[in-house]
Amino acid sequence: MIGGADPYIPGHGDLSFDVEHYDLALDYKVDTNHLAGRAVLRCRANQDLERIQLDLHALRVAKVTLDGAVPRRHQHRAGRLVLQPHTPVPAGEAFTVTVTYSGRPTTVPGADGGAGWEELTDGAIVAAQPDGAPTWFPCNDRPSNKATYRFEVSTPVGYRTVANGRLVGRRAASSRVVWIYEQPEPMATYLATLQIGRYRTTVLTGSPVPISVEAPSGLASEVGLALSRQAEMMRVFVDLFGPYPFAAYTVVVTEDDLEIPLESQTLSTFGANHLTTDWQDQRLIAHELSHQWFGNSLTATTWRDIWLHEGFACYCEWIWSEAAGGRSAQRLASEHWRRLNSAPQDLILADPSRARMFDDRVYKRGALLLHALRLKLGDPQFFSMVRDWVATNQHGGVTTTRFIEHVGRAAGGSEPGVRQLLNAWLFQPQLPALPASSR
């Protein structure tokens, strides 16, 4: 029963079927942290199904239907909602599961702290990486199952609700407001989010992509200063990586301090404590924006390949520093190489282990691998390779094996040396030397 689709996140996800669309109707009471929901999941069987397993944490299930009828039985225990159909669902067949549920959402405890739904001083936030999605809706919680979404969320008057995708409707309902968002590009469950607070909307200018900021009005001056180069940052990344993969980008700033910022598909969230022009905060702003390409549009199908998200995002910090007139990527790479060289040499980048999936060495070694490739290929060939990687895999799943094959094709006559370089950085614990730089 524990099982799961990914050894890094045991007890989550099911490979036997895919959810193709989530339709979530939610009602949230801020003062009591009470969530009531009705989730309609349109699914397709990957094999004959004698049971259907969904993930749902710490919420009470009131009713379950399968294609509009009560299933033979269902059981909700230990974070798993298991349905048994009256007859097996044949492979390839579409089916719909509807779940009505409620309760006080809370985080999923884990080695890296809780993930999922969190109360703020006055509102709520969802920070679901890697396994927090089931804290607020029933789902097939694995990054390889990307689906489209519709959110219809009722919250009290005076609060703004932000979710993934486009705001397509808003209506008053007594003392409440119903917010409707649609996310038409496929999205992994851990990237789905709700941000609820007393926010005011500001539109940033000068960007090739619409950018809006949702923040408390009392933080307007700090937000304006900290995000003064957000539009320029977007221009740099669009130029280097290709078109922004979604219709718009939203930055949410909470009144509360947050331990770390987080990216969700089409938006990023920062705490009030991240609103400075210091490099430490500016690099995080670049990091989270870059995840829209690396992590959100291109999503690793298994968590062992998390370097494909975090290595790219960390390298984008260095790229932004270089573009913004700060330290060059070469200087930053040299500095971080020296630090990693003095750290324990016991991490395999392509499979760091569950305990080390968020180890800073995954981030920095992934970035160093990319810089080593850049030095090996040269800027024109390297950035052409990256743009093609982004375009070829847009809105899909990616793996380390696929990346190696892609780089090999892009390298042409340099393929043997490039494959040797990738093997050393990805599969050997000893930190390789950086190639010589002519820059």
Protein backbone atom coordinates (compact mmCIF):
# COMPACT_ATOMS: atom_id res chain seq x y z
CA MET A 1 0.00 0.00 0.00
CA ILE A 2 2.85 2.42 0.74
CA GLY A 3 4.57 1.96 -2.63
CA GLY A 4 4.62 5.06 -4.77
CA ALA A 5 5.80 6.20 -8.16
CA ASP A 6 9.12 7.74 -7.07
CA PRO A 7 11.56 6.26 -4.52
CA TYR A 8 12.44 9.77 -3.33
CA ILE A 9 8.81 10.38 -2.30
CA PRO A 10 7.48 7.04 -1.01
CA GLY A 11 3.74 6.70 -0.65
CA HIS A 12 2.97 9.28 -3.34
CA GLY A 13 1.86 8.94 -6.93
CA ASP A 14 0.61 6.07 -9.09
CA LEU A 15 2.04 5.15 -12.49
CA SER A 16 -0.97 3.08 -13.50
CA PHE A 17 -3.00 6.10 -14.60
CA ASP A 18 -2.64 9.78 -15.48
CA VAL A 19 -4.77 12.71 -14.43
CA GLU A 20 -5.33 14.87 -17.50
CA HIS A 21 -7.31 17.70 -15.89
CA TYR A 22 -8.09 18.93 -12.36
CA ASP A 23 -11.22 21.01 -11.75
CA LEU A 24 -11.05 22.33 -8.17
CA ALA A 25 -13.94 24.19 -6.49
CA LEU A 26 -12.72 25.43 -3.11
CA ASP A 27 -14.09 27.50 -0.23
CA TYR A 28 -11.58 28.82 2.31
CA LYS A 29 -12.29 30.50 5.63
CA VAL A 30 -9.22 32.49 6.61
CA ASP A 31 -10.09 33.03 10.28
CA THR A 32 -10.49 29.31 11.03
CA ASN A 33 -8.15 27.87 8.35
CA HIS A 34 -10.98 25.70 7.07
CA LEU A 35 -11.01 24.39 3.51
CA ALA A 36 -13.98 22.74 1.79
CA GLY A 37 -13.45 21.33 -1.67
CA ARG A 38 -14.88 19.43 -4.57
CA ALA A 39 -12.29 18.03 -6.95
CA VAL A 40 -13.16 16.58 -10.34
CA LEU A 41 -10.29 14.62 -11.88
CA ARG A 42 -10.43 13.58 -15.51
CA CYS A 43 -8.11 10.61 -15.85
CA ARG A 44 -6.90 7.93 -18.25
CA ALA A 45 -5.79 4.40 -17.41
CA ASN A 46 -2.27 3.35 -18.41
CA GLN A 47 -3.11 -0.28 -17.65
CA ASP A 48 -6.13 -2.28 -16.55
CA LEU A 49 -7.12 -0.83 -13.18
CA GLU A 50 -8.59 -2.87 -10.35
CA ARG A 51 -8.00 0.02 -7.96
CA ILE A 52 -7.27 3.72 -8.23
CA GLN A 53 -4.99 5.43 -5.72
CA LEU A 54 -5.00 9.16 -5.02
CA ASP A 55 -3.00 11.21 -2.53
CA LEU A 56 -4.87 13.31 0.06
CA HIS A 57 -3.35 14.37 3.39
CA ALA A 58 -5.14 15.14 6.68
CA LEU A 59 -8.50 16.14 5.16
CA ARG A 60 -11.84 14.33 5.59
CA VAL A 61 -13.46 12.69 2.59
CA ALA A 62 -17.26 13.07 2.53
CA LYS A 63 -18.12 11.55 -0.85
CA VAL A 64 -16.41 9.81 -3.76
CA THR A 65 -17.81 8.93 -7.17
CA LEU A 66 -16.30 7.17 -10.17
CA ASP A 67 -17.89 8.21 -13.46
CA GLY A 68 -20.81 9.61 -11.50
CA ALA A 69 -21.53 6.46 -9.49
CA VAL A 70 -20.44 5.29 -6.06
CA PRO A 71 -17.48 2.89 -6.47
CA ARG A 72 -17.57 -0.63 -5.08
CA ARG A 73 -15.64 0.68 -2.10
CA HIS A 74 -13.23 3.41 -1.10
CA GLN A 75 -10.83 3.81 1.80
CA HIS A 76 -8.89 6.87 2.97
CA ARG A 77 -5.97 6.07 5.24
CA ALA A 78 -2.40 7.24 5.74
CA GLY A 79 -2.65 9.88 3.03
CA ARG A 80 -3.97 7.48 0.37
CA LEU A 81 -7.51 7.50 -1.00
CA VAL A 82 -8.05 4.11 -2.67
CA LEU A 83 -11.05 3.42 -4.90
CA GLN A 84 -12.15 0.00 -6.09
CA PRO A 85 -14.34 0.08 -9.21
CA HIS A 86 -17.15 -2.41 -9.70
CA THR A 87 -15.33 -3.71 -12.78
CA PRO A 88 -11.71 -3.01 -13.81
CA VAL A 89 -11.09 0.11 -15.86
CA PRO A 90 -9.53 -1.03 -19.17
CA ALA A 91 -6.14 0.32 -20.25
CA GLY A 92 -6.48 3.45 -22.36
CA GLU A 93 -9.98 4.27 -21.11
CA ALA A 94 -10.90 7.68 -19.72
CA PHE A 95 -12.61 7.94 -16.34
CA THR A 96 -13.60 10.68 -13.91
CA VAL A 97 -13.16 10.72 -10.14
CA THR A 98 -15.03 13.27 -8.04
CA VAL A 99 -14.08 13.82 -4.39
CA THR A 100 -15.86 16.04 -1.88
CA TYR A 101 -13.72 16.81 1.17
CA SER A 102 -13.03 19.31 3.94
CA GLY A 103 -10.92 20.06 6.99
CA ARG A 104 -8.09 22.19 8.27
CA PRO A 105 -5.19 21.83 5.83
CA THR A 106 -1.69 21.50 7.19
CA THR A 107 1.74 20.63 5.85
CA VAL A 108 3.13 17.19 5.12
CA PRO A 109 6.05 16.69 7.52
CA GLY A 110 9.35 15.77 5.93
CA ALA A 111 13.12 15.77 6.23
CA ASP A 112 13.28 19.29 4.78
CA GLY A 113 10.43 20.67 6.91
CA GLY A 114 6.74 20.76 6.12
CA ALA A 115 5.48 21.11 2.55
CA GLY A 116 2.09 22.22 1.32
CA TRP A 117 -0.59 24.43 2.84
CA GLU A 118 0.61 26.96 5.41
CA GLU A 119 -1.28 29.61 7.36
CA LEU A 120 0.11 33.12 7.30
CA THR A 121 -0.56 35.80 9.89
CA ASP A 122 -3.45 36.95 7.69
CA GLY A 123 -3.94 34.58 4.78
CA ALA A 124 -2.46 31.38 3.41
CA ILE A 125 0.26 30.12 1.13
CA VAL A 126 0.90 26.82 -0.65
CA ALA A 127 4.56 25.79 -0.92
CA ALA A 128 4.22 22.21 -2.14
CA GLN A 129 7.67 21.12 -3.30
CA PRO A 130 8.20 18.20 -3.28
CA ASP A 131 5.19 16.38 -1.77
CA GLY A 132 2.77 19.00 -0.41
CA ALA A 133 0.09 19.02 -3.14
CA PRO A 134 -2.11 16.46 -1.31
CA THR A 135 -2.50 18.90 1.60
CA TRP A 136 -5.19 20.76 -0.33
CA PHE A 137 -6.54 18.57 -3.14
CA PRO A 138 -6.67 14.86 -4.07
CA CYS A 139 -4.12 14.16 -6.77
CA ASN A 140 -1.76 11.76 -8.47
CA ASP A 141 1.27 13.30 -6.82
CA ARG A 142 4.21 12.63 -9.10
CA PRO A 143 6.11 15.14 -11.27
CA SER A 144 5.78 12.95 -14.37
CA ASN A 145 1.99 13.42 -14.40
CA LYS A 146 1.40 16.93 -15.73
CA ALA A 147 -2.21 18.08 -16.19
CA THR A 148 -4.26 21.17 -16.94
CA TYR A 149 -6.16 22.93 -14.13
CA ARG A 150 -9.17 25.06 -13.32
CA PHE A 151 -9.46 26.70 -9.90
CA GLU A 152 -12.67 28.25 -8.53
CA VAL A 153 -11.85 29.62 -5.08
CA SER A 154 -14.18 31.41 -2.66
CA THR A 155 -12.50 33.64 -0.06
CA PRO A 156 -13.66 36.52 2.18
CA VAL A 157 -14.07 40.03 0.83
CA GLY A 158 -10.86 42.02 1.33
CA TYR A 159 -8.57 39.16 0.34
CA ARG A 160 -7.05 38.55 -3.06
CA THR A 161 -6.61 35.00 -4.25
CA VAL A 162 -3.82 34.17 -6.69
CA ALA A 163 -3.53 30.79 -8.40
CA ASN A 164 -1.66 29.40 -11.39
CA GLY A 165 -2.48 30.56 -14.89
CA ARG A 166 -4.90 33.24 -16.01
CA LEU A 167 -7.57 34.96 -13.94
CA VAL A 168 -10.61 34.35 -16.16
CA GLY A 169 -13.41 35.39 -13.80
CA ARG A 170 -14.30 37.00 -10.50
CA ARG A 171 -17.71 37.40 -8.92
CA ALA A 172 -19.12 38.60 -5.62
CA ALA A 173 -21.11 36.14 -3.52
CA SER A 174 -22.52 37.75 -0.36
CA SER A 175 -19.54 38.48 1.91
CA ARG A 176 -17.22 36.46 -0.28
CA VAL A 177 -15.50 36.69 -3.64
CA VAL A 178 -15.11 33.79 -6.04
CA TRP A 179 -11.88 33.79 -8.07
CA ILE A 180 -11.57 31.65 -11.19
CA TYR A 181 -8.21 30.76 -12.72
CA GLU A 182 -7.34 28.48 -15.61
CA GLN A 183 -3.95 26.88 -16.21
CA PRO A 184 -4.04 25.56 -19.79
CA GLU A 185 -0.40 24.46 -19.99
CA PRO A 186 0.31 21.09 -18.34
CA MET A 187 1.58 21.39 -14.76
CA ALA A 188 3.00 19.02 -12.17
CA THR A 189 1.03 18.75 -8.92
CA TYR A 190 3.78 20.20 -6.73
CA LEU A 191 3.71 23.42 -8.78
CA ALA A 192 -0.01 24.05 -8.17
CA THR A 193 -0.55 26.83 -5.64
CA LEU A 194 -2.94 29.22 -3.92
CA GLN A 195 -1.78 32.50 -2.42
CA ILE A 196 -4.37 34.29 -0.29
CA GLY A 197 -3.77 37.66 1.34
CA ARG A 198 -4.66 41.33 1.51
CA TYR A 199 -2.79 42.16 -1.67
CA ARG A 200 -2.83 45.05 -4.10
CA THR A 201 -1.96 44.54 -7.77
CA THR A 202 0.83 46.48 -9.47
CA VAL A 203 1.76 46.05 -13.13
CA LEU A 204 5.45 46.29 -14.04
CA THR A 205 6.40 48.00 -17.30
CA GLY A 206 9.21 47.45 -19.78
CA SER A 207 8.95 43.67 -19.95
CA PRO A 208 8.36 41.61 -23.12
CA VAL A 209 5.99 39.52 -20.97
CA PRO A 210 3.16 40.88 -18.78
CA ILE A 211 4.40 41.00 -15.17
CA SER A 212 2.20 41.83 -12.18
CA VAL A 213 3.02 42.04 -8.49
CA GLU A 214 0.62 41.09 -5.68
CA ALA A 215 1.77 42.61 -2.40
CA PRO A 216 0.47 44.36 0.73
CA SER A 217 0.10 48.09 0.09
CA GLY A 218 2.37 48.86 3.06
CA LEU A 219 5.30 47.25 1.25
CA ALA A 220 4.90 49.23 -2.00
CA SER A 221 8.17 51.17 -1.78
CA GLU A 222 10.24 48.12 -0.78
CA VAL A 223 8.65 46.05 -3.55
CA GLY A 224 9.33 48.75 -6.14
CA LEU A 225 13.00 48.90 -5.17
CA ALA A 226 13.61 45.16 -4.93
CA LEU A 227 11.87 44.40 -8.24
CA SER A 228 13.18 47.43 -10.12
CA ARG A 229 15.15 45.19 -12.52
CA GLN A 230 12.58 42.38 -12.86
CA ALA A 231 11.59 43.46 -16.39
CA GLU A 232 15.24 43.64 -17.46
CA MET A 233 15.81 40.20 -15.97
CA MET A 234 12.92 38.85 -18.04
CA ARG A 235 14.39 40.36 -21.21
CA VAL A 236 17.76 38.74 -20.58
CA PHE A 237 16.28 35.29 -20.00
CA VAL A 238 13.94 35.51 -23.01
CA ASP A 239 16.90 36.47 -25.18
CA LEU A 240 19.05 33.59 -23.94
CA PHE A 241 16.49 30.79 -23.47
CA GLY A 242 13.74 31.60 -25.92
CA PRO A 243 10.15 32.80 -25.43
CA TYR A 244 8.71 32.86 -21.94
CA PRO A 245 6.64 29.65 -21.81
CA PHE A 246 3.41 31.08 -20.32
CA ALA A 247 1.06 34.00 -20.92
CA ALA A 248 2.20 36.11 -17.95
CA TYR A 249 4.29 36.13 -14.78
CA THR A 250 3.16 37.09 -11.28
CA VAL A 251 5.26 37.90 -8.23
CA VAL A 252 3.53 37.49 -4.86
CA VAL A 253 5.02 39.12 -1.77
CA THR A 254 3.70 38.05 1.63
CA GLU A 255 3.60 40.34 4.62
CA ASP A 256 5.18 37.52 6.62
CA ASP A 257 8.85 36.64 6.41
CA LEU A 258 9.49 33.37 4.58
CA GLU A 259 12.45 31.05 5.08
CA ILE A 260 12.96 30.77 1.33
CA PRO A 261 11.14 32.03 -1.76
CA LEU A 262 9.34 29.52 -3.94
CA GLU A 263 8.44 29.09 -7.57
CA SER A 264 5.10 27.82 -8.81
CA GLN A 265 4.00 27.62 -12.41
CA THR A 266 3.43 31.17 -13.75
CA LEU A 267 4.29 32.81 -10.41
CA SER A 268 6.87 33.11 -7.64
CA THR A 269 6.41 34.00 -3.98
CA PHE A 270 8.74 36.01 -1.75
CA GLY A 271 8.54 37.03 1.88
CA ALA A 272 8.80 40.59 3.13
CA ASN A 273 12.34 39.72 4.21
CA HIS A 274 13.47 39.27 0.57
CA LEU A 275 12.85 42.87 -0.50
CA THR A 276 16.34 44.29 -0.82
CA THR A 277 18.74 45.10 -3.64
CA ASP A 278 21.48 43.02 -2.01
CA TRP A 279 22.90 40.26 -4.20
CA GLN A 280 21.57 37.58 -1.86
CA ASP A 281 17.99 38.67 -2.59
CA GLN A 282 18.50 39.66 -6.24
CA ARG A 283 19.95 36.27 -7.06
CA LEU A 284 16.83 34.65 -5.58
CA ILE A 285 14.60 36.83 -7.76
CA ALA A 286 16.56 35.62 -10.81
CA HIS A 287 16.54 32.04 -9.55
CA GLU A 288 12.77 31.87 -9.16
CA LEU A 289 12.04 33.54 -12.50
CA SER A 290 14.30 31.10 -14.34
CA HIS A 291 12.33 28.18 -12.92
CA GLN A 292 9.49 29.11 -15.29
CA TRP A 293 11.67 27.60 -18.02
CA PHE A 294 13.65 25.08 -15.95
CA GLY A 295 11.30 23.21 -13.62
CA ASN A 296 7.88 24.51 -14.68
CA SER A 297 7.81 24.22 -18.47
CA LEU A 298 10.54 21.56 -18.43
CA THR A 299 9.86 19.31 -15.44
CA ALA A 300 12.03 16.42 -14.30
CA THR A 301 10.00 13.21 -14.43
CA THR A 302 11.70 11.87 -11.29
CA TRP A 303 13.08 13.71 -8.28
CA ARG A 304 16.54 12.20 -8.64
CA ASP A 305 16.95 14.51 -11.66
CA ILE A 306 16.24 17.65 -9.63
CA TRP A 307 19.58 19.10 -10.75
CA LEU A 308 17.84 19.81 -14.09
CA HIS A 309 15.77 22.35 -12.17
CA GLU A 310 18.13 23.67 -9.55
CA GLY A 311 21.40 23.51 -11.45
CA PHE A 312 19.91 25.57 -14.27
CA ALA A 313 18.26 28.03 -11.85
CA CYS A 314 21.50 28.50 -9.92
CA TYR A 315 23.40 29.06 -13.17
CA CYS A 316 20.80 31.65 -14.16
CA GLU A 317 21.78 33.59 -11.03
CA TRP A 318 25.32 33.78 -12.40
CA ILE A 319 24.10 34.67 -15.88
CA TRP A 320 22.03 37.50 -14.43
CA SER A 321 25.00 38.76 -12.39
CA GLU A 322 27.06 38.90 -15.57
CA ALA A 323 24.31 40.62 -17.58
CA ALA A 324 23.60 43.11 -14.79
CA GLY A 325 27.20 44.29 -14.54
CA GLY A 326 28.09 42.27 -11.46
CA ARG A 327 30.55 39.43 -11.09
CA SER A 328 31.01 37.34 -14.22
CA ALA A 329 29.78 33.77 -14.44
CA GLN A 330 33.42 32.70 -14.70
CA ARG A 331 34.33 34.43 -11.46
CA LEU A 332 31.30 33.01 -9.64
CA ALA A 333 32.00 29.54 -11.01
CA SER A 334 35.61 29.72 -9.81
CA GLU A 335 34.52 30.86 -6.34
CA HIS A 336 31.94 28.10 -5.96
CA TRP A 337 34.25 25.46 -7.41
CA ARG A 338 36.79 26.24 -4.68
CA ARG A 339 34.09 25.92 -1.99
CA LEU A 340 32.80 22.62 -3.35
CA ASN A 341 36.32 21.28 -3.72
CA SER A 342 36.80 21.68 0.02
CA ALA A 343 33.44 20.01 0.81
CA PRO A 344 32.92 16.24 1.14
CA GLN A 345 33.23 14.45 -2.22
CA ASP A 346 30.34 12.03 -1.74
CA LEU A 347 27.47 13.36 -3.86
CA ILE A 348 26.32 11.93 -7.18
CA LEU A 349 24.63 14.77 -9.03
CA ALA A 350 22.43 12.54 -11.20
CA ASP A 351 21.11 10.65 -8.14
CA PRO A 352 21.89 12.58 -4.95
CA SER A 353 19.50 10.55 -2.67
CA ARG A 354 16.31 11.68 -1.00
CA ALA A 355 18.22 13.06 1.98
CA ARG A 356 20.36 15.27 -0.28
CA MET A 357 17.95 16.30 -3.03
CA PHE A 358 17.98 19.89 -1.70
CA ASP A 359 21.65 19.86 -0.71
CA ASP A 360 23.31 23.09 -1.84
CA ARG A 361 25.92 21.00 -3.62
CA VAL A 362 23.20 19.81 -6.05
CA TYR A 363 22.49 23.44 -6.94
CA LYS A 364 26.10 24.55 -7.23
CA ARG A 365 27.49 21.43 -8.87
CA GLY A 366 24.65 21.54 -11.41
CA ALA A 367 25.50 25.16 -12.18
CA LEU A 368 29.19 24.30 -12.47
CA LEU A 369 28.40 21.49 -14.90
CA LEU A 370 26.57 23.99 -17.10
CA HIS A 371 29.43 26.45 -16.90
CA ALA A 372 31.88 23.68 -17.81
CA LEU A 373 29.73 22.90 -20.85
CA ARG A 374 29.67 26.58 -21.78
CA LEU A 375 33.45 26.73 -21.62
CA LYS A 376 33.74 23.53 -23.66
CA LEU A 377 31.26 24.53 -26.38
CA GLY A 378 31.65 28.30 -26.45
CA ASP A 379 28.82 30.78 -25.98
CA PRO A 380 27.12 30.54 -29.41
CA GLN A 381 26.93 26.73 -29.38
CA PHE A 382 26.08 26.50 -25.67
CA PHE A 383 23.16 28.94 -25.71
CA SER A 384 21.90 27.50 -29.00
CA MET A 385 21.89 24.08 -27.31
CA VAL A 386 19.97 25.45 -24.31
CA ARG A 387 17.37 27.24 -26.46
CA ASP A 388 16.80 24.05 -28.43
CA TRP A 389 16.53 22.04 -25.18
CA VAL A 390 13.85 24.44 -23.96
CA ALA A 391 11.91 24.50 -27.23
CA THR A 392 12.05 20.75 -27.84
CA ASN A 393 10.77 19.85 -24.38
CA GLN A 394 8.37 22.73 -23.74
CA HIS A 395 5.60 21.82 -21.26
CA GLY A 396 6.93 18.27 -21.02
CA GLY A 397 9.02 15.98 -18.86
CA VAL A 398 12.81 15.75 -18.95
CA THR A 399 15.47 13.35 -17.69
CA THR A 400 19.23 13.36 -17.27
CA THR A 401 19.53 10.69 -19.98
CA ARG A 402 17.60 12.87 -22.41
CA PHE A 403 19.79 15.86 -21.56
CA ILE A 404 22.97 13.87 -22.23
CA GLU A 405 21.61 12.77 -25.60
CA HIS A 406 20.56 16.31 -26.46
CA VAL A 407 23.95 17.78 -25.60
CA GLY A 408 25.69 15.02 -27.53
CA ARG A 409 23.76 15.87 -30.68
CA ALA A 410 24.42 19.59 -30.22
CA ALA A 411 28.15 19.00 -29.66
CA GLY A 412 28.66 17.47 -33.11
CA GLY A 413 32.33 16.60 -33.57
CA SER A 414 33.04 17.42 -29.92
CA GLU A 415 30.63 14.74 -28.70
CA PRO A 416 33.19 12.27 -27.22
CA GLY A 417 34.82 14.93 -25.08
CA VAL A 418 31.48 16.38 -24.06
CA ARG A 419 30.13 12.99 -23.02
CA GLN A 420 33.25 12.42 -20.95
CA LEU A 421 32.73 15.80 -19.29
CA LEU A 422 29.07 15.03 -18.52
CA ASN A 423 29.91 11.61 -17.12
CA ALA A 424 32.45 13.10 -14.71
CA TRP A 425 30.12 15.83 -13.44
CA LEU A 426 26.96 13.71 -13.25
CA PHE A 427 28.02 10.24 -12.17
CA GLN A 428 31.33 10.56 -10.29
CA PRO A 429 31.49 11.85 -6.71
CA GLN A 430 34.86 13.56 -7.14
CA LEU A 431 34.51 17.18 -8.26
CA PRO A 432 36.01 17.54 -11.77
CA ALA A 433 38.23 20.44 -12.68
CA LEU A 434 36.70 23.27 -14.65
CA PRO A 435 37.88 23.46 -18.29
CA ALA A 436 40.32 26.23 -19.05
CA SER A 437 38.66 29.54 -19.80
CA SER A 438 39.54 31.82 -22.67
CA ARG A 439 37.00 34.40 -21.48
